[in-house]
């Protein structure tokens, strides 16, 4: 079963039938970034592929964004759908939002799956996310805190111009796959064909994400969690060393986390080494 629901303030594609799973994507993608997972789980789970607030067709969050506001946004969806408890799967920014929810609403979470998220802090100079704007991002962040929405409005044209719209679609797919070290497939093409729509609220969300302390949130987890992280081995030496350092730091704490390295880049769920069987088994386990 597959259907699209744009009621309330959430744009959602639902796949399958059974116990509910909420999937949230990375910045720049719509909820259908998780369609490969939803399709695989469709016999036993109903996966809700939700657009991020302001980065896609879901309504944005107003005001300064904090971890509790992100958690409340997820909770409101669950209240509207009358879900008492759900499994959560999130990649990158989507994983950060679900991590915040799991910390603030642990009684509403069955299992949490983080796709390359939580173990490392968001970079202070986010070059891979913002290109030439990355070096100015710390200063811009201070200005957003001081001046809020008026300053965001001035920034919006700069970031919206950063979106690539000129390349033929096949070339866009090829360039993306080469850049993130994955092989093209139909799910990737679908996700890239329907990217998240940029908005002022989306820019506000990105600054909220920038200010989250992700490792501190991870250390507060009391929910059974499966952390699937990219090693960047043989791809990016600095990123690989950073990943190893932060994973070792997190493992010093006694946390309800199962760790799974994937040799490759950030998009672990599109990596050939990614195991759908492990995802299913974790969700079905009694832990």
C-alpha atoms as a PDB file:
ATOM      1  CA  UNK A   1       0.000   0.000   0.000  1.00  0.00           C
ATOM      2  CA  UNK A   2       1.288   3.466  -0.872  1.00  0.00           C
ATOM      3  CA  UNK A   3      -0.463   6.791  -0.448  1.00  0.00           C
ATOM      4  CA  UNK A   4       0.366  10.473  -0.057  1.00  0.00           C
ATOM      5  CA  UNK A   5      -1.124  12.580   2.736  1.00  0.00           C
ATOM      6  CA  UNK A   6      -0.649  16.359   2.898  1.00  0.00           C
ATOM      7  CA  UNK A   7      -3.147  16.990   5.696  1.00  0.00           C
ATOM      8  CA  UNK A   8      -2.339  18.997   8.851  1.00  0.00           C
ATOM      9  CA  UNK A   9       1.028  20.642   8.200  1.00  0.00           C
ATOM     10  CA  UNK A  10       2.983  17.550   7.208  1.00  0.00           C
ATOM     11  CA  UNK A  11       3.594  16.186   3.729  1.00  0.00           C
ATOM     12  CA  UNK A  12       3.800  12.412   4.028  1.00  0.00           C
ATOM     13  CA  UNK A  13       4.077   9.396   1.747  1.00  0.00           C
ATOM     14  CA  UNK A  14       3.046   6.185   3.517  1.00  0.00           C
ATOM     15  CA  UNK A  15       4.346   2.811   2.364  1.00  0.00           C
ATOM     16  CA  UNK A  16       3.292  -0.636   3.569  1.00  0.00           C
ATOM     17  CA  UNK A  17       1.092  -1.888   6.379  1.00  0.00           C
ATOM     18  CA  UNK A  18       1.769  -2.754   9.997  1.00  0.00           C
ATOM     19  CA  UNK A  19       3.619  -1.222  12.927  1.00  0.00           C
ATOM     20  CA  UNK A  20       4.411   2.483  12.278  1.00  0.00           C
ATOM     21  CA  UNK A  21       7.872   3.677  11.262  1.00  0.00           C
ATOM     22  CA  UNK A  22       8.674   7.377  10.845  1.00  0.00           C
ATOM     23  CA  UNK A  23      11.425   8.228   8.359  1.00  0.00           C
ATOM     24  CA  UNK A  24      13.001  11.690   8.099  1.00  0.00           C
ATOM     25  CA  UNK A  25      15.485  12.545   5.318  1.00  0.00           C
ATOM     26  CA  UNK A  26      18.648  14.594   4.977  1.00  0.00           C
ATOM     27  CA  UNK A  27      18.545  18.283   4.084  1.00  0.00           C
ATOM     28  CA  UNK A  28      17.878  18.788   0.394  1.00  0.00           C
ATOM     29  CA  UNK A  29      15.742  15.669   0.061  1.00  0.00           C
ATOM     30  CA  UNK A  30      12.052  14.936   0.397  1.00  0.00           C
ATOM     31  CA  UNK A  31      10.779  12.127   2.585  1.00  0.00           C
ATOM     32  CA  UNK A  32      11.071   9.723  -0.340  1.00  0.00           C
ATOM     33  CA  UNK A  33      14.820   9.571   0.313  1.00  0.00           C
ATOM     34  CA  UNK A  34      13.855   6.600   2.502  1.00  0.00           C
ATOM     35  CA  UNK A  35      11.698   4.862  -0.096  1.00  0.00           C
ATOM     36  CA  UNK A  36      14.113   1.935  -0.467  1.00  0.00           C
ATOM     37  CA  UNK A  37      13.749   1.260   3.263  1.00  0.00           C
ATOM     38  CA  UNK A  38       9.978   1.721   3.196  1.00  0.00           C
ATOM     39  CA  UNK A  39       9.562  -0.666   0.295  1.00  0.00           C
ATOM     40  CA  UNK A  40      11.709  -3.339   1.966  1.00  0.00           C
ATOM     41  CA  UNK A  41       9.770  -3.108   5.247  1.00  0.00           C
ATOM     42  CA  UNK A  42       6.356  -2.817   3.594  1.00  0.00           C
ATOM     43  CA  UNK A  43       5.212  -6.337   4.475  1.00  0.00           C
ATOM     44  CA  UNK A  44       5.445  -5.760   8.230  1.00  0.00           C
ATOM     45  CA  UNK A  45       5.664  -1.995   8.788  1.00  0.00           C
ATOM     46  CA  UNK A  46       3.885   1.152   7.616  1.00  0.00           C
ATOM     47  CA  UNK A  47       6.652   3.668   6.908  1.00  0.00           C
ATOM     48  CA  UNK A  48       5.758   7.370   7.037  1.00  0.00           C
ATOM     49  CA  UNK A  49       8.167   9.226   4.732  1.00  0.00           C
ATOM     50  CA  UNK A  50       7.826  12.810   5.961  1.00  0.00           C
ATOM     51  CA  UNK A  51       9.221  15.986   4.385  1.00  0.00           C
ATOM     52  CA  UNK A  52      11.278  18.068   6.808  1.00  0.00           C
ATOM     53  CA  UNK A  53       9.719  21.290   8.173  1.00  0.00           C
ATOM     54  CA  UNK A  54      10.493  24.033   5.676  1.00  0.00           C
ATOM     55  CA  UNK A  55      12.745  21.818   3.536  1.00  0.00           C
ATOM     56  CA  UNK A  56      10.101  20.221   1.391  1.00  0.00           C
ATOM     57  CA  UNK A  57       6.321  20.462   1.469  1.00  0.00           C
ATOM     58  CA  UNK A  58       5.855  20.256   5.234  1.00  0.00           C
ATOM     59  CA  UNK A  59       5.142  23.567   6.968  1.00  0.00           C
ATOM     60  CA  UNK A  60       8.178  25.154   8.611  1.00  0.00           C
ATOM     61  CA  UNK A  61       8.779  25.892  12.285  1.00  0.00           C
ATOM     62  CA  UNK A  62       8.606  29.539  13.297  1.00  0.00           C
ATOM     63  CA  UNK A  63      11.073  31.256  15.616  1.00  0.00           C
ATOM     64  CA  UNK A  64      14.405  30.104  16.939  1.00  0.00           C
ATOM     65  CA  UNK A  65      14.699  26.328  16.630  1.00  0.00           C
ATOM     66  CA  UNK A  66      15.892  24.204  19.542  1.00  0.00           C
ATOM     67  CA  UNK A  67      16.000  20.473  20.259  1.00  0.00           C
ATOM     68  CA  UNK A  68      12.703  20.598  22.161  1.00  0.00           C
ATOM     69  CA  UNK A  69      10.963  22.414  19.296  1.00  0.00           C
ATOM     70  CA  UNK A  70      12.139  19.748  16.868  1.00  0.00           C
ATOM     71  CA  UNK A  71      10.919  17.055  19.261  1.00  0.00           C
ATOM     72  CA  UNK A  72       7.554  18.793  19.588  1.00  0.00           C
ATOM     73  CA  UNK A  73       7.226  18.905  15.785  1.00  0.00           C
ATOM     74  CA  UNK A  74       7.526  15.099  15.601  1.00  0.00           C
ATOM     75  CA  UNK A  75       5.243  14.652  18.594  1.00  0.00           C
ATOM     76  CA  UNK A  76       2.545  16.785  16.971  1.00  0.00           C
ATOM     77  CA  UNK A  77       2.556  14.504  13.933  1.00  0.00           C
ATOM     78  CA  UNK A  78       2.215  11.439  16.127  1.00  0.00           C
ATOM     79  CA  UNK A  79      -0.641  13.073  18.048  1.00  0.00           C
ATOM     80  CA  UNK A  80      -2.455  13.920  14.817  1.00  0.00           C
ATOM     81  CA  UNK A  81      -2.002  10.366  13.536  1.00  0.00           C
ATOM     82  CA  UNK A  82      -3.004   8.952  16.952  1.00  0.00           C
ATOM     83  CA  UNK A  83       0.263   7.036  17.290  1.00  0.00           C
ATOM     84  CA  UNK A  84       1.065   6.021  20.852  1.00  0.00           C
ATOM     85  CA  UNK A  85       4.512   4.753  19.891  1.00  0.00           C
ATOM     86  CA  UNK A  86       6.601   4.450  16.724  1.00  0.00           C
ATOM     87  CA  UNK A  87       9.898   3.241  15.338  1.00  0.00           C
ATOM     88  CA  UNK A  88      12.137   6.005  14.027  1.00  0.00           C
ATOM     89  CA  UNK A  89      14.628   6.057  11.149  1.00  0.00           C
ATOM     90  CA  UNK A  90      16.481   9.250  10.258  1.00  0.00           C
ATOM     91  CA  UNK A  91      19.352  10.214   7.997  1.00  0.00           C
ATOM     92  CA  UNK A  92      21.584  13.232   8.649  1.00  0.00           C
ATOM     93  CA  UNK A  93      19.375  16.241   9.539  1.00  0.00           C
ATOM     94  CA  UNK A  94      16.352  13.934   9.756  1.00  0.00           C
ATOM     95  CA  UNK A  95      18.270  11.758  12.193  1.00  0.00           C
ATOM     96  CA  UNK A  96      19.089  14.798  14.327  1.00  0.00           C
ATOM     97  CA  UNK A  97      15.390  15.675  14.605  1.00  0.00           C
ATOM     98  CA  UNK A  98      14.462  12.119  15.584  1.00  0.00           C
ATOM     99  CA  UNK A  99      17.353  11.974  18.048  1.00  0.00           C
ATOM    100  CA  UNK A 100      15.953  15.092  19.741  1.00  0.00           C
ATOM    101  CA  UNK A 101      12.508  13.468  19.829  1.00  0.00           C
ATOM    102  CA  UNK A 102      13.861  10.236  21.333  1.00  0.00           C
ATOM    103  CA  UNK A 103      15.588  12.216  24.091  1.00  0.00           C
ATOM    104  CA  UNK A 104      12.555  14.343  24.961  1.00  0.00           C
ATOM    105  CA  UNK A 105       9.794  11.746  24.337  1.00  0.00           C
ATOM    106  CA  UNK A 106      11.432   8.379  25.083  1.00  0.00           C
ATOM    107  CA  UNK A 107       8.127   6.766  26.078  1.00  0.00           C
ATOM    108  CA  UNK A 108       6.847   7.283  22.518  1.00  0.00           C
ATOM    109  CA  UNK A 109       9.781   5.552  20.829  1.00  0.00           C
ATOM    110  CA  UNK A 110      10.046   1.822  20.252  1.00  0.00           C
ATOM    111  CA  UNK A 111      13.352   1.684  18.329  1.00  0.00           C
ATOM    112  CA  UNK A 112      15.589   4.406  16.861  1.00  0.00           C
ATOM    113  CA  UNK A 113      17.780   3.934  13.786  1.00  0.00           C
ATOM    114  CA  UNK A 114      20.290   6.688  13.034  1.00  0.00           C
ATOM    115  CA  UNK A 115      21.831   6.778   9.571  1.00  0.00           C
ATOM    116  CA  UNK A 116      25.229   8.464   9.917  1.00  0.00           C
ATOM    117  CA  UNK A 117      24.031  10.846  12.608  1.00  0.00           C
ATOM    118  CA  UNK A 118      24.634  11.701  16.248  1.00  0.00           C
ATOM    119  CA  UNK A 119      28.160  10.437  16.813  1.00  0.00           C
ATOM    120  CA  UNK A 120      29.920  13.551  15.480  1.00  0.00           C
ATOM    121  CA  UNK A 121      29.229  17.251  16.044  1.00  0.00           C
ATOM    122  CA  UNK A 122      28.000  19.286  13.101  1.00  0.00           C
ATOM    123  CA  UNK A 123      31.117  20.969  11.631  1.00  0.00           C
ATOM    124  CA  UNK A 124      31.658  24.594  12.619  1.00  0.00           C
ATOM    125  CA  UNK A 125      32.770  25.256   9.037  1.00  0.00           C
ATOM    126  CA  UNK A 126      30.242  23.148   7.071  1.00  0.00           C
ATOM    127  CA  UNK A 127      31.967  23.128   3.674  1.00  0.00           C
ATOM    128  CA  UNK A 128      30.156  20.085   2.277  1.00  0.00           C
ATOM    129  CA  UNK A 129      26.753  21.608   3.092  1.00  0.00           C
ATOM    130  CA  UNK A 130      27.257  25.257   2.141  1.00  0.00           C
ATOM    131  CA  UNK A 131      30.286  25.488  -0.124  1.00  0.00           C
ATOM    132  CA  UNK A 132      31.703  29.037  -0.255  1.00  0.00           C
ATOM    133  CA  UNK A 133      29.318  30.248   2.476  1.00  0.00           C
ATOM    134  CA  UNK A 134      30.745  27.785   5.011  1.00  0.00           C
ATOM    135  CA  UNK A 135      33.528  30.050   6.252  1.00  0.00           C
ATOM    136  CA  UNK A 136      31.037  32.813   7.001  1.00  0.00           C
ATOM    137  CA  UNK A 137      28.569  30.463   8.697  1.00  0.00           C
ATOM    138  CA  UNK A 138      29.708  31.007  12.328  1.00  0.00           C
ATOM    139  CA  UNK A 139      29.330  34.769  11.925  1.00  0.00           C
ATOM    140  CA  UNK A 140      26.007  34.385  10.102  1.00  0.00           C
ATOM    141  CA  UNK A 141      24.798  32.143  12.917  1.00  0.00           C
ATOM    142  CA  UNK A 142      25.484  34.880  15.484  1.00  0.00           C
ATOM    143  CA  UNK A 143      23.585  37.403  13.364  1.00  0.00           C
ATOM    144  CA  UNK A 144      20.604  35.044  13.031  1.00  0.00           C
ATOM    145  CA  UNK A 145      20.517  34.672  16.828  1.00  0.00           C
ATOM    146  CA  UNK A 146      20.636  38.454  17.286  1.00  0.00           C
ATOM    147  CA  UNK A 147      18.279  39.583  14.521  1.00  0.00           C
ATOM    148  CA  UNK A 148      16.154  36.531  13.689  1.00  0.00           C
ATOM    149  CA  UNK A 149      13.767  36.467  10.732  1.00  0.00           C
ATOM    150  CA  UNK A 150      14.699  39.870   9.203  1.00  0.00           C
ATOM    151  CA  UNK A 151      18.293  38.710   8.826  1.00  0.00           C
ATOM    152  CA  UNK A 152      17.202  35.320   7.450  1.00  0.00           C
ATOM    153  CA  UNK A 153      15.213  37.135   4.744  1.00  0.00           C
ATOM    154  CA  UNK A 154      18.378  38.901   3.622  1.00  0.00           C
ATOM    155  CA  UNK A 155      20.249  35.583   3.469  1.00  0.00           C
ATOM    156  CA  UNK A 156      17.568  33.626   1.631  1.00  0.00           C
ATOM    157  CA  UNK A 157      18.456  34.760  -1.929  1.00  0.00           C
ATOM    158  CA  UNK A 158      22.115  33.831  -1.394  1.00  0.00           C
ATOM    159  CA  UNK A 159      21.333  30.256  -0.360  1.00  0.00           C
ATOM    160  CA  UNK A 160      18.543  29.699  -2.871  1.00  0.00           C
ATOM    161  CA  UNK A 161      20.912  30.667  -5.692  1.00  0.00           C
ATOM    162  CA  UNK A 162      23.162  27.841  -4.534  1.00  0.00           C
ATOM    163  CA  UNK A 163      20.737  25.226  -5.831  1.00  0.00           C
ATOM    164  CA  UNK A 164      21.754  23.511  -9.081  1.00  0.00           C
ATOM    165  CA  UNK A 165      18.992  23.661 -11.655  1.00  0.00           C
ATOM    166  CA  UNK A 166      20.902  23.966 -14.944  1.00  0.00           C
ATOM    167  CA  UNK A 167      22.323  20.472 -15.519  1.00  0.00           C
ATOM    168  CA  UNK A 168      20.412  17.764 -17.416  1.00  0.00           C
ATOM    169  CA  UNK A 169      18.919  15.303 -14.960  1.00  0.00           C
ATOM    170  CA  UNK A 170      21.155  12.369 -15.955  1.00  0.00           C
ATOM    171  CA  UNK A 171      24.233  14.517 -15.407  1.00  0.00           C
ATOM    172  CA  UNK A 172      22.895  15.674 -12.029  1.00  0.00           C
ATOM    173  CA  UNK A 173      22.488  12.043 -10.949  1.00  0.00           C
ATOM    174  CA  UNK A 174      25.947  11.119 -12.190  1.00  0.00           C
ATOM    175  CA  UNK A 175      27.624  14.052 -10.448  1.00  0.00           C
ATOM    176  CA  UNK A 176      25.813  13.365  -7.179  1.00  0.00           C
ATOM    177  CA  UNK A 177      26.695   9.668  -7.126  1.00  0.00           C
ATOM    178  CA  UNK A 178      30.331  10.394  -7.935  1.00  0.00           C
ATOM    179  CA  UNK A 179      30.525  13.055  -5.240  1.00  0.00           C
ATOM    180  CA  UNK A 180      29.113  10.858  -2.455  1.00  0.00           C
ATOM    181  CA  UNK A 181      30.693   7.561  -3.628  1.00  0.00           C
ATOM    182  CA  UNK A 182      27.582   5.509  -4.393  1.00  0.00           C
ATOM    183  CA  UNK A 183      26.271   3.654  -7.426  1.00  0.00           C
ATOM    184  CA  UNK A 184      23.198   4.939  -9.225  1.00  0.00           C
ATOM    185  CA  UNK A 185      19.871   3.137  -8.769  1.00  0.00           C
ATOM    186  CA  UNK A 186      16.185   3.864  -9.269  1.00  0.00           C
ATOM    187  CA  UNK A 187      15.674   4.986  -5.663  1.00  0.00           C
ATOM    188  CA  UNK A 188      18.440   7.569  -5.952  1.00  0.00           C
ATOM    189  CA  UNK A 189      16.988   8.831  -9.229  1.00  0.00           C
ATOM    190  CA  UNK A 190      13.544   9.161  -7.630  1.00  0.00           C
ATOM    191  CA  UNK A 191      14.939  11.089  -4.675  1.00  0.00           C
ATOM    192  CA  UNK A 192      16.937  13.447  -6.891  1.00  0.00           C
ATOM    193  CA  UNK A 193      14.019  13.979  -9.267  1.00  0.00           C
ATOM    194  CA  UNK A 194      11.870  15.342  -6.431  1.00  0.00           C
ATOM    195  CA  UNK A 195      14.268  17.323  -4.188  1.00  0.00           C
ATOM    196  CA  UNK A 196      13.103  19.304  -1.191  1.00  0.00           C
ATOM    197  CA  UNK A 197      11.786  22.765  -1.961  1.00  0.00           C
ATOM    198  CA  UNK A 198      13.923  25.515  -0.428  1.00  0.00           C
ATOM    199  CA  UNK A 199      12.254  28.130   1.789  1.00  0.00           C
ATOM    200  CA  UNK A 200      12.996  30.744   4.426  1.00  0.00           C
ATOM    201  CA  UNK A 201      11.742  28.273   7.046  1.00  0.00           C
ATOM    202  CA  UNK A 202      14.172  25.698   5.689  1.00  0.00           C
ATOM    203  CA  UNK A 203      17.067  28.096   6.162  1.00  0.00           C
ATOM    204  CA  UNK A 204      15.860  28.675   9.714  1.00  0.00           C
ATOM    205  CA  UNK A 205      15.880  24.905  10.251  1.00  0.00           C
ATOM    206  CA  UNK A 206      19.472  24.669   9.027  1.00  0.00           C
ATOM    207  CA  UNK A 207      20.633  27.250  11.564  1.00  0.00           C
ATOM    208  CA  UNK A 208      18.760  25.368  14.289  1.00  0.00           C
ATOM    209  CA  UNK A 209      20.522  22.174  13.220  1.00  0.00           C
ATOM    210  CA  UNK A 210      23.873  23.965  13.287  1.00  0.00           C
ATOM    211  CA  UNK A 211      23.365  24.812  16.968  1.00  0.00           C
ATOM    212  CA  UNK A 212      22.455  21.305  18.166  1.00  0.00           C
ATOM    213  CA  UNK A 213      24.981  19.466  20.322  1.00  0.00           C
ATOM    214  CA  UNK A 214      24.498  16.061  18.724  1.00  0.00           C
ATOM    215  CA  UNK A 215      26.940  13.941  20.790  1.00  0.00           C
ATOM    216  CA  UNK A 216      25.430  15.333  24.008  1.00  0.00           C
ATOM    217  CA  UNK A 217      21.960  14.377  22.802  1.00  0.00           C
ATOM    218  CA  UNK A 218      23.216  10.900  21.890  1.00  0.00           C
ATOM    219  CA  UNK A 219      24.616  10.417  25.389  1.00  0.00           C
ATOM    220  CA  UNK A 220      21.146  11.091  26.831  1.00  0.00           C
ATOM    221  CA  UNK A 221      19.507   8.253  24.904  1.00  0.00           C
ATOM    222  CA  UNK A 222      17.549   5.616  26.811  1.00  0.00           C
ATOM    223  CA  UNK A 223      15.941   4.131  23.697  1.00  0.00           C
ATOM    224  CA  UNK A 224      17.258   1.016  21.898  1.00  0.00           C
ATOM    225  CA  UNK A 225      19.260   2.525  19.038  1.00  0.00           C
ATOM    226  CA  UNK A 226      21.006   1.208  15.938  1.00  0.00           C
ATOM    227  CA  UNK A 227      23.700   3.639  14.756  1.00  0.00           C
ATOM    228  CA  UNK A 228      24.833   2.921  11.209  1.00  0.00           C
ATOM    229  CA  UNK A 229      27.753   5.190  10.419  1.00  0.00           C
ATOM    230  CA  UNK A 230      30.034   5.748   7.450  1.00  0.00           C
ATOM    231  CA  UNK A 231      33.759   5.162   7.959  1.00  0.00           C
ATOM    232  CA  UNK A 232      34.939   7.264   4.979  1.00  0.00           C
ATOM    233  CA  UNK A 233      37.801   4.774   4.769  1.00  0.00           C
ATOM    234  CA  UNK A 234      39.866   5.293   1.585  1.00  0.00           C
ATOM    235  CA  UNK A 235      37.578   8.214   0.659  1.00  0.00           C
ATOM    236  CA  UNK A 236      38.443  11.064   3.024  1.00  0.00           C
ATOM    237  CA  UNK A 237      41.345  10.574   5.429  1.00  0.00           C
ATOM    238  CA  UNK A 238      40.452  13.507   7.704  1.00  0.00           C
ATOM    239  CA  UNK A 239      36.801  12.492   7.917  1.00  0.00           C
ATOM    240  CA  UNK A 240      37.772   8.886   8.544  1.00  0.00           C
ATOM    241  CA  UNK A 241      40.041   9.850  11.459  1.00  0.00           C
ATOM    242  CA  UNK A 242      37.381  12.181  12.869  1.00  0.00           C
ATOM    243  CA  UNK A 243      34.755   9.417  12.686  1.00  0.00           C
ATOM    244  CA  UNK A 244      36.999   6.921  14.458  1.00  0.00           C
ATOM    245  CA  UNK A 245      37.813   9.474  17.170  1.00  0.00           C
ATOM    246  CA  UNK A 246      34.185  10.345  17.933  1.00  0.00           C
ATOM    247  CA  UNK A 247      32.950   6.746  17.772  1.00  0.00           C
ATOM    248  CA  UNK A 248      35.583   5.745  20.325  1.00  0.00           C
ATOM    249  CA  UNK A 249      34.515   8.630  22.575  1.00  0.00           C
ATOM    250  CA  UNK A 250      30.845   7.638  22.421  1.00  0.00           C
ATOM    251  CA  UNK A 251      31.662   3.986  23.134  1.00  0.00           C
ATOM    252  CA  UNK A 252      33.175   4.985  26.490  1.00  0.00           C
ATOM    253  CA  UNK A 253      29.623   5.551  27.709  1.00  0.00           C
ATOM    254  CA  UNK A 254      27.183   2.776  28.537  1.00  0.00           C
ATOM    255  CA  UNK A 255      24.421   3.463  26.043  1.00  0.00           C
ATOM    256  CA  UNK A 256      21.667   1.298  24.483  1.00  0.00           C
ATOM    257  CA  UNK A 257      23.346   1.570  21.072  1.00  0.00           C
ATOM    258  CA  UNK A 258      24.276  -1.081  18.527  1.00  0.00           C
ATOM    259  CA  UNK A 259      27.053   0.241  16.269  1.00  0.00           C
ATOM    260  CA  UNK A 260      27.375  -0.706  12.605  1.00  0.00           C
ATOM    261  CA  UNK A 261      30.158   0.753  10.441  1.00  0.00           C
ATOM    262  CA  UNK A 262      29.640   0.976   6.679  1.00  0.00           C
ATOM    263  CA  UNK A 263      32.639   1.454   4.459  1.00  0.00           C
ATOM    264  CA  UNK A 264      31.738   4.402   2.294  1.00  0.00           C
ATOM    265  CA  UNK A 265      30.336   7.921   2.461  1.00  0.00           C
ATOM    266  CA  UNK A 266      27.525   9.755   4.212  1.00  0.00           C
ATOM    267  CA  UNK A 267      24.601   8.155   2.312  1.00  0.00           C
ATOM    268  CA  UNK A 268      24.878   4.817   4.101  1.00  0.00           C
ATOM    269  CA  UNK A 269      21.379   3.590   3.178  1.00  0.00           C
ATOM    270  CA  UNK A 270      22.287   3.775  -0.535  1.00  0.00           C
ATOM    271  CA  UNK A 271      25.595   2.008  -0.003  1.00  0.00           C
ATOM    272  CA  UNK A 272      25.987  -1.516  -1.402  1.00  0.00           C
ATOM    273  CA  UNK A 273      27.211  -2.695   2.025  1.00  0.00           C
ATOM    274  CA  UNK A 274      24.040  -1.445   3.753  1.00  0.00           C
ATOM    275  CA  UNK A 275      21.991  -4.346   5.136  1.00  0.00           C
ATOM    276  CA  UNK A 276      18.200  -4.114   4.957  1.00  0.00           C
ATOM    277  CA  UNK A 277      18.074  -7.449   6.743  1.00  0.00           C
ATOM    278  CA  UNK A 278      19.825  -5.927   9.759  1.00  0.00           C
ATOM    279  CA  UNK A 279      17.355  -3.026   9.790  1.00  0.00           C
ATOM    280  CA  UNK A 280      14.400  -5.404   9.790  1.00  0.00           C
ATOM    281  CA  UNK A 281      15.916  -7.696  12.399  1.00  0.00           C
ATOM    282  CA  UNK A 282      16.640  -4.778  14.715  1.00  0.00           C
ATOM    283  CA  UNK A 283      13.088  -3.470  14.473  1.00  0.00           C
ATOM    284  CA  UNK A 284      11.676  -6.929  15.155  1.00  0.00           C
ATOM    285  CA  UNK A 285      14.076  -7.744  17.991  1.00  0.00           C
ATOM    286  CA  UNK A 286      13.121  -7.627  21.645  1.00  0.00           C
ATOM    287  CA  UNK A 287      16.505  -5.962  22.379  1.00  0.00           C
END
